[in-house]
Amino acid sequence: MDTDKILFWNVDTQKDFIDPDGKLYVPGAELIKGNLNVLTELAIKNKIRVVN
C-alpha cells in the first residue's frame, strides 16, 4: 500500500462539537469518540497521514 497518497482527514472533532459542555455541542456526538480513536490509531500504525 502506497501510504504517501493516503490521508485520514479528521474533520470537526474539536471538543466544542463532541463534549456536552462544548459551545457548539452536537447531541450524541460523544458516541463516536471511540471510533475516532480507533481510526486515528489505525492510521498512525499504518503510517497514514492524519489531519485534524
N, C-alpha and C. Protein backbone atom coordinates (compact mmCIF):
# COMPACT_ATOMS: atom_id res chain seq x y z
N MET A 1 0.84 -1.18 0.00
CA MET A 1 0.00 0.00 0.00
C MET A 1 0.89 1.24 0.00
N ASP A 2 0.61 2.15 -0.90
CA ASP A 2 1.37 3.40 -1.00
C ASP A 2 0.74 4.44 -0.08
N THR A 3 1.20 4.48 1.16
CA THR A 3 0.60 5.39 2.15
C THR A 3 0.94 6.85 1.91
N ASP A 4 1.85 7.12 0.99
CA ASP A 4 2.16 8.52 0.66
C ASP A 4 0.97 9.22 0.00
N LYS A 5 0.06 8.44 -0.55
CA LYS A 5 -1.09 9.01 -1.25
C LYS A 5 -2.39 8.87 -0.46
N ILE A 6 -2.28 8.47 0.80
CA ILE A 6 -3.46 8.27 1.64
C ILE A 6 -3.45 9.29 2.77
N LEU A 7 -4.62 9.80 3.09
CA LEU A 7 -4.76 10.80 4.15
C LEU A 7 -6.02 10.51 4.95
N PHE A 8 -5.91 10.53 6.26
CA PHE A 8 -7.10 10.45 7.12
C PHE A 8 -7.38 11.86 7.59
N TRP A 9 -8.48 12.42 7.13
CA TRP A 9 -8.85 13.80 7.44
C TRP A 9 -9.95 13.76 8.49
N ASN A 10 -9.57 14.08 9.70
CA ASN A 10 -10.46 14.06 10.85
C ASN A 10 -11.08 15.46 10.99
N VAL A 11 -12.29 15.62 10.47
CA VAL A 11 -12.91 16.94 10.37
C VAL A 11 -13.88 17.21 11.53
N ASP A 12 -13.77 18.40 12.09
CA ASP A 12 -14.72 18.92 13.09
C ASP A 12 -14.92 18.03 14.31
N THR A 13 -13.84 17.48 14.84
CA THR A 13 -13.97 16.69 16.06
C THR A 13 -13.40 17.44 17.27
N GLN A 14 -13.43 18.75 17.20
CA GLN A 14 -12.96 19.55 18.31
C GLN A 14 -13.86 19.34 19.52
N LYS A 15 -13.30 19.60 20.68
CA LYS A 15 -14.02 19.43 21.94
C LYS A 15 -15.36 20.17 21.93
N ASP A 16 -15.42 21.35 21.35
CA ASP A 16 -16.67 22.13 21.34
C ASP A 16 -17.81 21.39 20.65
N PHE A 17 -17.51 20.52 19.70
CA PHE A 17 -18.56 19.78 18.99
C PHE A 17 -18.94 18.48 19.70
N ILE A 18 -17.95 17.82 20.33
CA ILE A 18 -18.16 16.48 20.87
C ILE A 18 -18.47 16.46 22.36
N ASP A 19 -17.92 17.36 23.11
CA ASP A 19 -18.11 17.39 24.57
C ASP A 19 -19.44 18.05 24.91
N PRO A 20 -20.26 17.41 25.74
CA PRO A 20 -21.55 18.00 26.12
C PRO A 20 -21.44 19.41 26.70
N ASP A 21 -20.29 19.76 27.24
CA ASP A 21 -20.09 21.11 27.78
C ASP A 21 -19.57 22.09 26.72
N GLY A 22 -19.35 21.62 25.51
CA GLY A 22 -18.82 22.46 24.44
C GLY A 22 -19.83 23.49 23.95
N LYS A 23 -19.32 24.59 23.46
CA LYS A 23 -20.19 25.68 22.99
C LYS A 23 -20.97 25.33 21.74
N LEU A 24 -20.46 24.40 20.94
CA LEU A 24 -21.13 24.02 19.69
C LEU A 24 -21.53 22.55 19.70
N TYR A 25 -21.80 22.03 20.88
CA TYR A 25 -22.08 20.60 21.07
C TYR A 25 -23.19 20.10 20.14
N VAL A 26 -22.93 18.94 19.54
CA VAL A 26 -23.92 18.25 18.71
C VAL A 26 -24.42 17.06 19.53
N PRO A 27 -25.69 17.03 19.89
CA PRO A 27 -26.21 15.94 20.71
C PRO A 27 -25.88 14.57 20.13
N GLY A 28 -25.32 13.71 20.97
CA GLY A 28 -24.96 12.36 20.57
C GLY A 28 -23.57 12.23 19.98
N ALA A 29 -22.91 13.35 19.73
CA ALA A 29 -21.59 13.31 19.07
C ALA A 29 -20.55 12.55 19.89
N GLU A 30 -20.71 12.55 21.21
CA GLU A 30 -19.72 11.87 22.05
C GLU A 30 -19.70 10.36 21.79
N LEU A 31 -20.74 9.85 21.18
CA LEU A 31 -20.82 8.42 20.90
C LEU A 31 -19.81 7.96 19.85
N ILE A 32 -19.26 8.87 19.08
CA ILE A 32 -18.30 8.47 18.04
C ILE A 32 -16.84 8.58 18.49
N LYS A 33 -16.62 9.05 19.72
CA LYS A 33 -15.24 9.24 20.19
C LYS A 33 -14.40 7.97 20.12
N GLY A 34 -14.97 6.86 20.53
CA GLY A 34 -14.24 5.60 20.49
C GLY A 34 -13.83 5.21 19.08
N ASN A 35 -14.75 5.34 18.15
CA ASN A 35 -14.45 5.01 16.74
C ASN A 35 -13.40 5.94 16.16
N LEU A 36 -13.47 7.22 16.50
CA LEU A 36 -12.46 8.17 16.01
C LEU A 36 -11.08 7.81 16.54
N ASN A 37 -11.01 7.39 17.79
CA ASN A 37 -9.73 6.98 18.36
C ASN A 37 -9.18 5.76 17.64
N VAL A 38 -10.04 4.79 17.36
CA VAL A 38 -9.62 3.57 16.65
C VAL A 38 -9.11 3.93 15.25
N LEU A 39 -9.85 4.76 14.53
CA LEU A 39 -9.43 5.15 13.18
C LEU A 39 -8.10 5.90 13.19
N THR A 40 -7.94 6.81 14.15
CA THR A 40 -6.70 7.58 14.25
C THR A 40 -5.52 6.67 14.56
N GLU A 41 -5.70 5.77 15.52
CA GLU A 41 -4.62 4.84 15.88
C GLU A 41 -4.26 3.93 14.71
N LEU A 42 -5.26 3.48 13.97
CA LEU A 42 -5.02 2.63 12.81
C LEU A 42 -4.23 3.38 11.74
N ALA A 43 -4.60 4.61 11.50
CA ALA A 43 -3.88 5.42 10.52
C ALA A 43 -2.43 5.61 10.94
N ILE A 44 -2.21 5.97 12.19
CA ILE A 44 -0.85 6.19 12.68
C ILE A 44 -0.03 4.91 12.58
N LYS A 45 -0.62 3.79 13.00
CA LYS A 45 0.06 2.50 12.95
C LYS A 45 0.50 2.15 11.53
N ASN A 46 -0.31 2.54 10.55
CA ASN A 46 -0.03 2.21 9.15
C ASN A 46 0.67 3.34 8.40
N LYS A 47 1.19 4.30 9.17
CA LYS A 47 1.96 5.42 8.62
C LYS A 47 1.15 6.23 7.60
N ILE A 48 -0.13 6.39 7.91
CA ILE A 48 -1.03 7.21 7.10
C ILE A 48 -1.10 8.59 7.74
N ARG A 49 -0.95 9.62 6.93
CA ARG A 49 -1.00 10.98 7.46
C ARG A 49 -2.37 11.28 8.04
N VAL A 50 -2.38 11.97 9.19
CA VAL A 50 -3.61 12.35 9.87
C VAL A 50 -3.67 13.87 9.93
N VAL A 51 -4.79 14.43 9.48
CA VAL A 51 -5.02 15.86 9.56
C VAL A 51 -6.23 16.07 10.45
N ASN A 52 -6.05 16.91 11.46
CA ASN A 52 -7.15 17.21 12.38
C ASN A 52 -7.61 18.63 12.18
